[in-house]
Amino acid sequence: KKKLDNKYIEERLGKLNKEKYNIAIAHNPLMAYAYESFGFDLVFSGHVHGGLVKLPLLGGILSPEYKLFPKYYEGIYNLNKTKMIVSRGLGFCKRLPIRILNPAEVVIINLCNK
C-alpha cells in the first residue's frame, strides 16, 4: 500500500491557501492522518457504511476492507484543527450487502461564515 503524504496531495491539488477555509471530499476516512497533516479544515468522507453492522456500546464492527472496529465509521471527528464528517451513506458493501442496527443516512451541513 502506498502511503498518502503531503507531497502526493500537493502534487494533485496544489498548495492550500491558509487564509481560506479548505474543504476536502475524500471517499475513504482511513487516511484521516493525511487530511489533517495537509491542513484541510473540513473533510467529508464515507466509504465505511457506518461499520456495516453496529452493536450497542461498541459501534461499527466491520469496514469494507474487513477490518474489525474501524476507527472512523460515522459522525464528526476532531483531528486537531481538522474536522472530519463521516456519513453512513445510502448503500452497502457489495461483497457483504447487509446493514444491521445501522440505518442509511444523508448528511446535510450548513456552512456559515462567521
PDB file of N, CA and C in Angstrom:
ATOM      1  N   LYS A   1       0.836  -1.190   0.000  1.00  0.00           N
ATOM      2  CA  LYS A   1       0.000   0.000   0.000  1.00  0.00           C
ATOM      3  C   LYS A   1       0.871   1.240   0.000  1.00  0.00           C
ATOM      4  N   LYS A   2       0.492   2.199  -0.832  1.00  0.00           N
ATOM      5  CA  LYS A   2       1.191   3.472  -0.871  1.00  0.00           C
ATOM      6  C   LYS A   2       0.648   4.381   0.236  1.00  0.00           C
ATOM      7  N   LYS A   3       1.545   5.020   0.943  1.00  0.00           N
ATOM      8  CA  LYS A   3       1.129   5.938   1.998  1.00  0.00           C
ATOM      9  C   LYS A   3       0.751   7.282   1.380  1.00  0.00           C
ATOM     10  N   LEU A   4      -0.354   7.833   1.823  1.00  0.00           N
ATOM     11  CA  LEU A   4      -0.807   9.135   1.353  1.00  0.00           C
ATOM     12  C   LEU A   4      -0.080  10.204   2.159  1.00  0.00           C
ATOM     13  N   ASP A   5       0.765  10.983   1.481  1.00  0.00           N
ATOM     14  CA  ASP A   5       1.520  12.007   2.199  1.00  0.00           C
ATOM     15  C   ASP A   5       1.250  13.385   1.592  1.00  0.00           C
ATOM     16  N   ASN A   6       1.791  14.408   2.254  1.00  0.00           N
ATOM     17  CA  ASN A   6       1.562  15.792   1.831  1.00  0.00           C
ATOM     18  C   ASN A   6       2.063  16.055   0.418  1.00  0.00           C
ATOM     19  N   LYS A   7       3.197  15.487   0.057  1.00  0.00           N
ATOM     20  CA  LYS A   7       3.755  15.699  -1.282  1.00  0.00           C
ATOM     21  C   LYS A   7       2.801  15.180  -2.349  1.00  0.00           C
ATOM     22  N   TYR A   8       2.280  13.998  -2.133  1.00  0.00           N
ATOM     23  CA  TYR A   8       1.351  13.376  -3.079  1.00  0.00           C
ATOM     24  C   TYR A   8       0.086  14.235  -3.232  1.00  0.00           C
ATOM     25  N   ILE A   9      -0.468  14.698  -2.116  1.00  0.00           N
ATOM     26  CA  ILE A   9      -1.680  15.523  -2.158  1.00  0.00           C
ATOM     27  C   ILE A   9      -1.384  16.843  -2.861  1.00  0.00           C
ATOM     28  N   GLU A  10      -0.266  17.486  -2.517  1.00  0.00           N
ATOM     29  CA  GLU A  10       0.070  18.783  -3.107  1.00  0.00           C
ATOM     30  C   GLU A  10       0.316  18.675  -4.608  1.00  0.00           C
ATOM     31  N   GLU A  11       0.915  17.591  -5.056  1.00  0.00           N
ATOM     32  CA  GLU A  11       1.134  17.396  -6.498  1.00  0.00           C
ATOM     33  C   GLU A  11      -0.186  17.373  -7.258  1.00  0.00           C
ATOM     34  N   ARG A  12      -1.236  16.880  -6.636  1.00  0.00           N
ATOM     35  CA  ARG A  12      -2.526  16.774  -7.299  1.00  0.00           C
ATOM     36  C   ARG A  12      -3.432  17.984  -7.083  1.00  0.00           C
ATOM     37  N   LEU A  13      -3.330  18.610  -5.921  1.00  0.00           N
ATOM     38  CA  LEU A  13      -4.241  19.711  -5.596  1.00  0.00           C
ATOM     39  C   LEU A  13      -3.589  21.083  -5.541  1.00  0.00           C
ATOM     40  N   GLY A  14      -2.271  21.120  -5.429  1.00  0.00           N
ATOM     41  CA  GLY A  14      -1.584  22.384  -5.222  1.00  0.00           C
ATOM     42  C   GLY A  14      -1.531  22.724  -3.736  1.00  0.00           C
ATOM     43  N   LYS A  15      -0.943  23.859  -3.439  1.00  0.00           N
ATOM     44  CA  LYS A  15      -0.840  24.287  -2.041  1.00  0.00           C
ATOM     45  C   LYS A  15      -2.179  24.851  -1.568  1.00  0.00           C
ATOM     46  N   LEU A  16      -2.448  24.678  -0.277  1.00  0.00           N
ATOM     47  CA  LEU A  16      -3.645  25.265   0.312  1.00  0.00           C
ATOM     48  C   LEU A  16      -3.410  26.734   0.598  1.00  0.00           C
ATOM     49  N   ASN A  17      -4.436  27.533   0.432  1.00  0.00           N
ATOM     50  CA  ASN A  17      -4.399  28.921   0.844  1.00  0.00           C
ATOM     51  C   ASN A  17      -4.839  28.949   2.303  1.00  0.00           C
ATOM     52  N   LYS A  18      -3.902  29.137   3.203  1.00  0.00           N
ATOM     53  CA  LYS A  18      -4.199  29.089   4.644  1.00  0.00           C
ATOM     54  C   LYS A  18      -5.088  30.246   5.098  1.00  0.00           C
ATOM     55  N   GLU A  19      -5.269  31.266   4.243  1.00  0.00           N
ATOM     56  CA  GLU A  19      -6.149  32.390   4.560  1.00  0.00           C
ATOM     57  C   GLU A  19      -7.616  32.045   4.297  1.00  0.00           C
ATOM     58  N   LYS A  20      -7.843  30.929   3.620  1.00  0.00           N
ATOM     59  CA  LYS A  20      -9.186  30.480   3.266  1.00  0.00           C
ATOM     60  C   LYS A  20      -9.552  29.247   4.086  1.00  0.00           C
ATOM     61  N   TYR A  21     -10.825  28.890   4.047  1.00  0.00           N
ATOM     62  CA  TYR A  21     -11.316  27.677   4.696  1.00  0.00           C
ATOM     63  C   TYR A  21     -11.241  26.565   3.658  1.00  0.00           C
ATOM     64  N   ASN A  22     -10.485  25.533   3.939  1.00  0.00           N
ATOM     65  CA  ASN A  22     -10.206  24.484   2.967  1.00  0.00           C
ATOM     66  C   ASN A  22     -11.002  23.219   3.273  1.00  0.00           C
ATOM     67  N   ILE A  23     -11.827  22.810   2.298  1.00  0.00           N
ATOM     68  CA  ILE A  23     -12.702  21.656   2.437  1.00  0.00           C
ATOM     69  C   ILE A  23     -12.265  20.577   1.452  1.00  0.00           C
ATOM     70  N   ALA A  24     -12.224  19.339   1.921  1.00  0.00           N
ATOM     71  CA  ALA A  24     -11.902  18.203   1.055  1.00  0.00           C
ATOM     72  C   ALA A  24     -13.058  17.219   1.065  1.00  0.00           C
ATOM     73  N   ILE A  25     -13.300  16.616  -0.078  1.00  0.00           N
ATOM     74  CA  ILE A  25     -14.223  15.496  -0.175  1.00  0.00           C
ATOM     75  C   ILE A  25     -13.348  14.282  -0.460  1.00  0.00           C
ATOM     76  N   ALA A  26     -13.276  13.388   0.493  1.00  0.00           N
ATOM     77  CA  ALA A  26     -12.389  12.233   0.404  1.00  0.00           C
ATOM     78  C   ALA A  26     -13.206  10.970   0.641  1.00  0.00           C
ATOM     79  N   HIS A  27     -13.213  10.096  -0.303  1.00  0.00           N
ATOM     80  CA  HIS A  27     -14.044   8.894  -0.205  1.00  0.00           C
ATOM     81  C   HIS A  27     -13.768   8.103   1.071  1.00  0.00           C
ATOM     82  N   ASN A  28     -12.507   7.889   1.378  1.00  0.00           N
ATOM     83  CA  ASN A  28     -12.139   6.981   2.456  1.00  0.00           C
ATOM     84  C   ASN A  28     -11.613   7.726   3.679  1.00  0.00           C
ATOM     85  N   PRO A  29     -12.238   7.555   4.854  1.00  0.00           N
ATOM     86  CA  PRO A  29     -11.756   8.239   6.054  1.00  0.00           C
ATOM     87  C   PRO A  29     -10.504   7.609   6.667  1.00  0.00           C
ATOM     88  N   LEU A  30     -10.079   6.466   6.139  1.00  0.00           N
ATOM     89  CA  LEU A  30      -8.907   5.790   6.715  1.00  0.00           C
ATOM     90  C   LEU A  30      -7.636   6.613   6.599  1.00  0.00           C
ATOM     91  N   MET A  31      -7.623   7.584   5.710  1.00  0.00           N
ATOM     92  CA  MET A  31      -6.447   8.437   5.526  1.00  0.00           C
ATOM     93  C   MET A  31      -6.580   9.753   6.293  1.00  0.00           C
ATOM     94  N   ALA A  32      -7.326   9.736   7.377  1.00  0.00           N
ATOM     95  CA  ALA A  32      -7.580  10.945   8.164  1.00  0.00           C
ATOM     96  C   ALA A  32      -6.287  11.645   8.565  1.00  0.00           C
ATOM     97  N   TYR A  33      -5.259  10.887   8.930  1.00  0.00           N
ATOM     98  CA  TYR A  33      -3.981  11.480   9.326  1.00  0.00           C
ATOM     99  C   TYR A  33      -3.426  12.367   8.211  1.00  0.00           C
ATOM    100  N   ALA A  34      -3.595  11.947   6.952  1.00  0.00           N
ATOM    101  CA  ALA A  34      -3.063  12.711   5.824  1.00  0.00           C
ATOM    102  C   ALA A  34      -3.867  13.984   5.593  1.00  0.00           C
ATOM    103  N   TYR A  35      -5.191  13.898   5.709  1.00  0.00           N
ATOM    104  CA  TYR A  35      -6.023  15.085   5.516  1.00  0.00           C
ATOM    105  C   TYR A  35      -5.710  16.127   6.581  1.00  0.00           C
ATOM    106  N   GLU A  36      -5.537  15.678   7.806  1.00  0.00           N
ATOM    107  CA  GLU A  36      -5.211  16.591   8.910  1.00  0.00           C
ATOM    108  C   GLU A  36      -3.816  17.165   8.730  1.00  0.00           C
ATOM    109  N   SER A  37      -2.873  16.338   8.382  1.00  0.00           N
ATOM    110  CA  SER A  37      -1.487  16.776   8.203  1.00  0.00           C
ATOM    111  C   SER A  37      -1.358  17.799   7.082  1.00  0.00           C
ATOM    112  N   PHE A  38      -2.127  17.612   6.008  1.00  0.00           N
ATOM    113  CA  PHE A  38      -2.061  18.537   4.875  1.00  0.00           C
ATOM    114  C   PHE A  38      -2.663  19.892   5.226  1.00  0.00           C
ATOM    115  N   GLY A  39      -3.577  19.910   6.181  1.00  0.00           N
ATOM    116  CA  GLY A  39      -4.115  21.177   6.657  1.00  0.00           C
ATOM    117  C   GLY A  39      -5.540  21.483   6.256  1.00  0.00           C
ATOM    118  N   PHE A  40      -6.289  20.484   5.800  1.00  0.00           N
ATOM    119  CA  PHE A  40      -7.688  20.749   5.495  1.00  0.00           C
ATOM    120  C   PHE A  40      -8.412  21.133   6.779  1.00  0.00           C
ATOM    121  N   ASP A  41      -9.350  22.065   6.666  1.00  0.00           N
ATOM    122  CA  ASP A  41     -10.147  22.477   7.813  1.00  0.00           C
ATOM    123  C   ASP A  41     -11.319  21.523   8.042  1.00  0.00           C
ATOM    124  N   LEU A  42     -11.886  21.030   6.926  1.00  0.00           N
ATOM    125  CA  LEU A  42     -13.061  20.172   6.996  1.00  0.00           C
ATOM    126  C   LEU A  42     -12.947  19.103   5.919  1.00  0.00           C
ATOM    127  N   VAL A  43     -13.261  17.867   6.295  1.00  0.00           N
ATOM    128  CA  VAL A  43     -13.227  16.747   5.352  1.00  0.00           C
ATOM    129  C   VAL A  43     -14.560  16.022   5.424  1.00  0.00           C
ATOM    130  N   PHE A  44     -15.154  15.791   4.249  1.00  0.00           N
ATOM    131  CA  PHE A  44     -16.354  14.963   4.146  1.00  0.00           C
ATOM    132  C   PHE A  44     -15.924  13.602   3.630  1.00  0.00           C
ATOM    133  N   SER A  45     -16.414  12.553   4.259  1.00  0.00           N
ATOM    134  CA  SER A  45     -15.997  11.211   3.867  1.00  0.00           C
ATOM    135  C   SER A  45     -17.134  10.226   4.064  1.00  0.00           C
ATOM    136  N   GLY A  46     -16.913   9.004   3.649  1.00  0.00           N
ATOM    137  CA  GLY A  46     -17.917   7.951   3.773  1.00  0.00           C
ATOM    138  C   GLY A  46     -17.232   6.593   3.765  1.00  0.00           C
ATOM    139  N   HIS A  47     -17.457   5.806   2.748  1.00  0.00           N
ATOM    140  CA  HIS A  47     -16.810   4.529   2.456  1.00  0.00           C
ATOM    141  C   HIS A  47     -17.107   3.397   3.432  1.00  0.00           C
ATOM    142  N   VAL A  48     -17.178   3.657   4.710  1.00  0.00           N
ATOM    143  CA  VAL A  48     -17.241   2.592   5.715  1.00  0.00           C
ATOM    144  C   VAL A  48     -18.676   2.116   5.970  1.00  0.00           C
ATOM    145  N   HIS A  49     -19.668   2.837   5.433  1.00  0.00           N
ATOM    146  CA  HIS A  49     -21.076   2.463   5.568  1.00  0.00           C
ATOM    147  C   HIS A  49     -21.492   2.279   7.022  1.00  0.00           C
ATOM    148  N   GLY A  50     -20.942   3.093   7.897  1.00  0.00           N
ATOM    149  CA  GLY A  50     -21.311   3.020   9.313  1.00  0.00           C
ATOM    150  C   GLY A  50     -20.809   1.782  10.028  1.00  0.00           C
ATOM    151  N   GLY A  51     -19.877   1.074   9.417  1.00  0.00           N
ATOM    152  CA  GLY A  51     -19.366  -0.151  10.028  1.00  0.00           C
ATOM    153  C   GLY A  51     -20.166  -1.387   9.634  1.00  0.00           C
ATOM    154  N   LEU A  52     -21.032  -1.245   8.622  1.00  0.00           N
ATOM    155  CA  LEU A  52     -21.912  -2.318   8.114  1.00  0.00           C
ATOM    156  C   LEU A  52     -22.871  -2.830   9.170  1.00  0.00           C
ATOM    157  N   VAL A  53     -22.336  -3.293  10.267  1.00  0.00           N
ATOM    158  CA  VAL A  53     -23.145  -3.764  11.392  1.00  0.00           C
ATOM    159  C   VAL A  53     -22.724  -2.951  12.609  1.00  0.00           C
ATOM    160  N   LYS A  54     -23.708  -2.441  13.366  1.00  0.00           N
ATOM    161  CA  LYS A  54     -23.399  -1.711  14.591  1.00  0.00           C
ATOM    162  C   LYS A  54     -23.935  -2.467  15.783  1.00  0.00           C
ATOM    163  N   LEU A  55     -23.164  -2.458  16.837  1.00  0.00           N
ATOM    164  CA  LEU A  55     -23.600  -3.066  18.085  1.00  0.00           C
ATOM    165  C   LEU A  55     -23.682  -1.987  19.153  1.00  0.00           C
ATOM    166  N   PRO A  56     -24.724  -2.023  19.989  1.00  0.00           N
ATOM    167  CA  PRO A  56     -24.820  -1.042  21.060  1.00  0.00           C
ATOM    168  C   PRO A  56     -23.549  -1.037  21.909  1.00  0.00           C
ATOM    169  N   LEU A  57     -23.098   0.151  22.256  1.00  0.00           N
ATOM    170  CA  LEU A  57     -21.906   0.397  23.068  1.00  0.00           C
ATOM    171  C   LEU A  57     -20.590   0.107  22.340  1.00  0.00           C
ATOM    172  N   LEU A  58     -20.605  -0.627  21.247  1.00  0.00           N
ATOM    173  CA  LEU A  58     -19.373  -0.942  20.516  1.00  0.00           C
ATOM    174  C   LEU A  58     -19.241  -0.162  19.222  1.00  0.00           C
ATOM    175  N   GLY A  59     -20.339   0.227  18.616  1.00  0.00           N
ATOM    176  CA  GLY A  59     -20.309   0.969  17.366  1.00  0.00           C
ATOM    177  C   GLY A  59     -20.168   0.053  16.167  1.00  0.00           C
ATOM    178  N   GLY A  60     -19.638   0.642  15.071  1.00  0.00           N
ATOM    179  CA  GLY A  60     -19.472  -0.112  13.832  1.00  0.00           C
ATOM    180  C   GLY A  60     -18.436  -1.206  14.000  1.00  0.00           C
ATOM    181  N   ILE A  61     -18.742  -2.395  13.487  1.00  0.00           N
ATOM    182  CA  ILE A  61     -17.814  -3.501  13.747  1.00  0.00           C
ATOM    183  C   ILE A  61     -17.017  -3.980  12.541  1.00  0.00           C
ATOM    184  N   LEU A  62     -17.378  -3.552  11.307  1.00  0.00           N
ATOM    185  CA  LEU A  62     -16.662  -4.089  10.160  1.00  0.00           C
ATOM    186  C   LEU A  62     -16.576  -3.058   9.047  1.00  0.00           C
ATOM    187  N   SER A  63     -15.379  -2.871   8.506  1.00  0.00           N
ATOM    188  CA  SER A  63     -15.193  -1.967   7.377  1.00  0.00           C
ATOM    189  C   SER A  63     -15.261  -2.755   6.076  1.00  0.00           C
ATOM    190  N   PRO A  64     -15.426  -2.076   4.936  1.00  0.00           N
ATOM    191  CA  PRO A  64     -15.416  -2.782   3.657  1.00  0.00           C
ATOM    192  C   PRO A  64     -14.103  -3.532   3.394  1.00  0.00           C
ATOM    193  N   GLU A  65     -13.042  -3.168   4.082  1.00  0.00           N
ATOM    194  CA  GLU A  65     -11.763  -3.895   3.964  1.00  0.00           C
ATOM    195  C   GLU A  65     -11.724  -5.116   4.883  1.00  0.00           C
ATOM    196  N   TYR A  66     -12.841  -5.394   5.541  1.00  0.00           N
ATOM    197  CA  TYR A  66     -12.966  -6.493   6.506  1.00  0.00           C
ATOM    198  C   TYR A  66     -12.054  -6.310   7.710  1.00  0.00           C
ATOM    199  N   LYS A  67     -11.876  -5.052   8.122  1.00  0.00           N
ATOM    200  CA  LYS A  67     -11.155  -4.734   9.354  1.00  0.00           C
ATOM    201  C   LYS A  67     -12.183  -4.570  10.461  1.00  0.00           C
ATOM    202  N   LEU A  68     -11.898  -5.136  11.610  1.00  0.00           N
ATOM    203  CA  LEU A  68     -12.809  -5.029  12.744  1.00  0.00           C
ATOM    204  C   LEU A  68     -12.699  -3.666  13.415  1.00  0.00           C
ATOM    205  N   PHE A  69     -13.828  -3.158  13.851  1.00  0.00           N
ATOM    206  CA  PHE A  69     -13.950  -1.910  14.603  1.00  0.00           C
ATOM    207  C   PHE A  69     -13.187  -0.752  13.957  1.00  0.00           C
ATOM    208  N   PRO A  70     -13.633  -0.315  12.767  1.00  0.00           N
ATOM    209  CA  PRO A  70     -12.968   0.818  12.118  1.00  0.00           C
ATOM    210  C   PRO A  70     -13.018   2.055  13.012  1.00  0.00           C
ATOM    211  N   LYS A  71     -11.921   2.778  13.035  1.00  0.00           N
ATOM    212  CA  LYS A  71     -11.800   3.953  13.898  1.00  0.00           C
ATOM    213  C   LYS A  71     -12.791   5.050  13.492  1.00  0.00           C
ATOM    214  N   TYR A  72     -12.948   5.267  12.200  1.00  0.00           N
ATOM    215  CA  TYR A  72     -13.837   6.304  11.678  1.00  0.00           C
ATOM    216  C   TYR A  72     -14.960   5.631  10.896  1.00  0.00           C
ATOM    217  N   TYR A  73     -16.145   5.532  11.498  1.00  0.00           N
ATOM    218  CA  TYR A  73     -17.228   4.833  10.817  1.00  0.00           C
ATOM    219  C   TYR A  73     -18.489   5.678  10.639  1.00  0.00           C
ATOM    220  N   GLU A  74     -18.700   6.705  11.473  1.00  0.00           N
ATOM    221  CA  GLU A  74     -19.827   7.627  11.326  1.00  0.00           C
ATOM    222  C   GLU A  74     -19.637   8.807  12.272  1.00  0.00           C
ATOM    223  N   GLY A  75     -20.193   9.927  11.879  1.00  0.00           N
ATOM    224  CA  GLY A  75     -20.208  11.065  12.786  1.00  0.00           C
ATOM    225  C   GLY A  75     -19.128  12.094  12.512  1.00  0.00           C
ATOM    226  N   ILE A  76     -18.893  12.926  13.519  1.00  0.00           N
ATOM    227  CA  ILE A  76     -17.929  14.027  13.425  1.00  0.00           C
ATOM    228  C   ILE A  76     -16.707  13.683  14.271  1.00  0.00           C
ATOM    229  N   TYR A  77     -15.549  13.846  13.674  1.00  0.00           N
ATOM    230  CA  TYR A  77     -14.287  13.570  14.359  1.00  0.00           C
ATOM    231  C   TYR A  77     -13.447  14.833  14.378  1.00  0.00           C
ATOM    232  N   ASN A  78     -12.865  15.144  15.526  1.00  0.00           N
ATOM    233  CA  ASN A  78     -11.953  16.274  15.666  1.00  0.00           C
ATOM    234  C   ASN A  78     -10.533  15.752  15.590  1.00  0.00           C
ATOM    235  N   LEU A  79      -9.822  16.165  14.544  1.00  0.00           N
ATOM    236  CA  LEU A  79      -8.437  15.742  14.318  1.00  0.00           C
ATOM    237  C   LEU A  79      -7.549  16.977  14.440  1.00  0.00           C
ATOM    238  N   ASN A  80      -7.226  17.359  15.649  1.00  0.00           N
ATOM    239  CA  ASN A  80      -6.522  18.622  15.901  1.00  0.00           C
ATOM    240  C   ASN A  80      -7.325  19.762  15.300  1.00  0.00           C
ATOM    241  N   LYS A  81      -6.825  20.452  14.276  1.00  0.00           N
ATOM    242  CA  LYS A  81      -7.545  21.587  13.693  1.00  0.00           C
ATOM    243  C   LYS A  81      -8.491  21.178  12.568  1.00  0.00           C
ATOM    244  N   THR A  82      -8.525  19.914  12.225  1.00  0.00           N
ATOM    245  CA  THR A  82      -9.375  19.416  11.142  1.00  0.00           C
ATOM    246  C   THR A  82     -10.598  18.724  11.718  1.00  0.00           C
ATOM    247  N   LYS A  83     -11.760  19.009  11.129  1.00  0.00           N
ATOM    248  CA  LYS A  83     -12.975  18.257  11.454  1.00  0.00           C
ATOM    249  C   LYS A  83     -13.251  17.334  10.274  1.00  0.00           C
ATOM    250  N   MET A  84     -13.619  16.092  10.584  1.00  0.00           N
ATOM    251  CA  MET A  84     -13.968  15.148   9.544  1.00  0.00           C
ATOM    252  C   MET A  84     -15.369  14.617   9.818  1.00  0.00           C
ATOM    253  N   ILE A  85     -16.220  14.698   8.816  1.00  0.00           N
ATOM    254  CA  ILE A  85     -17.585  14.208   8.923  1.00  0.00           C
ATOM    255  C   ILE A  85     -17.685  12.951   8.069  1.00  0.00           C
ATOM    256  N   VAL A  86     -18.025  11.841   8.707  1.00  0.00           N
ATOM    257  CA  VAL A  86     -18.139  10.557   8.014  1.00  0.00           C
ATOM    258  C   VAL A  86     -19.606  10.151   7.980  1.00  0.00           C
ATOM    259  N   SER A  87     -20.129   9.996   6.781  1.00  0.00           N
ATOM    260  CA  SER A  87     -21.518   9.606   6.588  1.00  0.00           C
ATOM    261  C   SER A  87     -21.646   8.092   6.443  1.00  0.00           C
ATOM    262  N   ARG A  88     -22.737   7.551   6.966  1.00  0.00           N
ATOM    263  CA  ARG A  88     -23.040   6.135   6.763  1.00  0.00           C
ATOM    264  C   ARG A  88     -23.489   5.879   5.332  1.00  0.00           C
ATOM    265  N   GLY A  89     -23.966   6.914   4.663  1.00  0.00           N
ATOM    266  CA  GLY A  89     -24.380   6.795   3.274  1.00  0.00           C
ATOM    267  C   GLY A  89     -25.689   6.047   3.095  1.00  0.00           C
ATOM    268  N   LEU A  90     -26.003   5.800   1.831  1.00  0.00           N
ATOM    269  CA  LEU A  90     -27.274   5.162   1.484  1.00  0.00           C
ATOM    270  C   LEU A  90     -27.126   3.705   1.099  1.00  0.00           C
ATOM    271  N   GLY A  91     -25.959   3.310   0.663  1.00  0.00           N
ATOM    272  CA  GLY A  91     -25.773   1.960   0.149  1.00  0.00           C
ATOM    273  C   GLY A  91     -25.177   1.017   1.166  1.00  0.00           C
ATOM    274  N   PHE A  92     -24.592  -0.034   0.648  1.00  0.00           N
ATOM    275  CA  PHE A  92     -23.921  -1.026   1.484  1.00  0.00           C
ATOM    276  C   PHE A  92     -22.786  -1.634   0.682  1.00  0.00           C
ATOM    277  N   CYS A  93     -21.942  -2.363   1.344  1.00  0.00           N
ATOM    278  CA  CYS A  93     -20.796  -3.006   0.709  1.00  0.00           C
ATOM    279  C   CYS A  93     -21.304  -4.095  -0.240  1.00  0.00           C
ATOM    280  N   LYS A  94     -20.854  -4.075  -1.484  1.00  0.00           N
ATOM    281  CA  LYS A  94     -21.337  -5.042  -2.484  1.00  0.00           C
ATOM    282  C   LYS A  94     -20.992  -6.479  -2.114  1.00  0.00           C
ATOM    283  N   ARG A  95     -19.836  -6.673  -1.496  1.00  0.00           N
ATOM    284  CA  ARG A  95     -19.417  -8.036  -1.137  1.00  0.00           C
ATOM    285  C   ARG A  95     -20.164  -8.580   0.070  1.00  0.00           C
ATOM    286  N   LEU A  96     -20.652  -7.679   0.910  1.00  0.00           N
ATOM    287  CA  LEU A  96     -21.381  -8.092   2.111  1.00  0.00           C
ATOM    288  C   LEU A  96     -22.584  -7.157   2.251  1.00  0.00           C
ATOM    289  N   PRO A  97     -23.655  -7.400   1.476  1.00  0.00           N
ATOM    290  CA  PRO A  97     -24.773  -6.450   1.392  1.00  0.00           C
ATOM    291  C   PRO A  97     -25.724  -6.495   2.588  1.00  0.00           C
ATOM    292  N   ILE A  98     -25.220  -6.046   3.745  1.00  0.00           N
ATOM    293  CA  ILE A  98     -26.060  -6.022   4.952  1.00  0.00           C
ATOM    294  C   ILE A  98     -25.907  -4.694   5.664  1.00  0.00           C
ATOM    295  N   ARG A  99     -26.906  -4.340   6.445  1.00  0.00           N
ATOM    296  CA  ARG A  99     -26.872  -3.206   7.374  1.00  0.00           C
ATOM    297  C   ARG A  99     -27.690  -3.647   8.570  1.00  0.00           C
ATOM    298  N   ILE A 100     -27.063  -3.806   9.704  1.00  0.00           N
ATOM    299  CA  ILE A 100     -27.762  -4.231  10.909  1.00  0.00           C
ATOM    300  C   ILE A 100     -27.591  -3.162  11.980  1.00  0.00           C
ATOM    301  N   LEU A 101     -28.717  -2.671  12.521  1.00  0.00           N
ATOM    302  CA  LEU A 101     -28.728  -1.576  13.514  1.00  0.00           C
ATOM    303  C   LEU A 101     -27.941  -0.370  13.003  1.00  0.00           C
ATOM    304  N   ASN A 102     -28.009  -0.138  11.702  1.00  0.00           N
ATOM    305  CA  ASN A 102     -27.172   0.841  11.047  1.00  0.00           C
ATOM    306  C   ASN A 102     -27.944   1.464   9.885  1.00  0.00           C
ATOM    307  N   PRO A 103     -28.917   2.328  10.185  1.00  0.00           N
ATOM    308  CA  PRO A 103     -29.731   2.883   9.112  1.00  0.00           C
ATOM    309  C   PRO A 103     -28.934   3.765   8.150  1.00  0.00           C
ATOM    310  N   ALA A 104     -29.357   3.760   6.904  1.00  0.00           N
ATOM    311  CA  ALA A 104     -28.749   4.642   5.905  1.00  0.00           C
ATOM    312  C   ALA A 104     -28.995   6.100   6.305  1.00  0.00           C
ATOM    313  N   GLU A 105     -28.161   7.000   5.797  1.00  0.00           N
ATOM    314  CA  GLU A 105     -28.344   8.410   6.128  1.00  0.00           C
ATOM    315  C   GLU A 105     -27.846   9.307   5.005  1.00  0.00           C
ATOM    316  N   VAL A 106     -28.435  10.479   4.957  1.00  0.00           N
ATOM    317  CA  VAL A 106     -27.956  11.574   4.125  1.00  0.00           C
ATOM    318  C   VAL A 106     -27.603  12.688   5.095  1.00  0.00           C
ATOM    319  N   VAL A 107     -26.397  13.189   5.016  1.00  0.00           N
ATOM    320  CA  VAL A 107     -25.942  14.247   5.921  1.00  0.00           C
ATOM    321  C   VAL A 107     -26.123  15.595   5.230  1.00  0.00           C
ATOM    322  N   ILE A 108     -26.736  16.524   5.932  1.00  0.00           N
ATOM    323  CA  ILE A 108     -26.906  17.879   5.427  1.00  0.00           C
ATOM    324  C   ILE A 108     -26.154  18.816   6.348  1.00  0.00           C
ATOM    325  N   ILE A 109     -25.258  19.584   5.766  1.00  0.00           N
ATOM    326  CA  ILE A 109     -24.421  20.509   6.547  1.00  0.00           C
ATOM    327  C   ILE A 109     -24.668  21.926   6.050  1.00  0.00           C
ATOM    328  N   ASN A 110     -24.890  22.834   6.957  1.00  0.00           N
ATOM    329  CA  ASN A 110     -24.989  24.263   6.634  1.00  0.00           C
ATOM    330  C   ASN A 110     -23.681  24.914   7.049  1.00  0.00           C
ATOM    331  N   LEU A 111     -22.981  25.485   6.089  1.00  0.00           N
ATOM    332  CA  LEU A 111     -21.740  26.195   6.388  1.00  0.00           C
ATOM    333  C   LEU A 111     -22.054  27.666   6.520  1.00  0.00           C
ATOM    334  N   CYS A 112     -21.573  28.264   7.595  1.00  0.00           N
ATOM    335  CA  CYS A 112     -21.825  29.672   7.866  1.00  0.00           C
ATOM    336  C   CYS A 112     -20.507  30.414   7.992  1.00  0.00           C
ATOM    337  N   ASN A 113     -20.452  31.596   7.418  1.00  0.00           N
ATOM    338  CA  ASN A 113     -19.281  32.452   7.511  1.00  0.00           C
ATOM    339  C   ASN A 113     -19.478  33.390   8.692  1.00  0.00           C
ATOM    340  N   LYS A 114     -18.769  33.105   9.784  1.00  0.00           N
ATOM    341  CA  LYS A 114     -18.929  33.938  10.988  1.00  0.00           C
ATOM    342  C   LYS A 114     -17.717  34.786  11.213  1.00  0.00           C
TER     343      LYS A 114
END
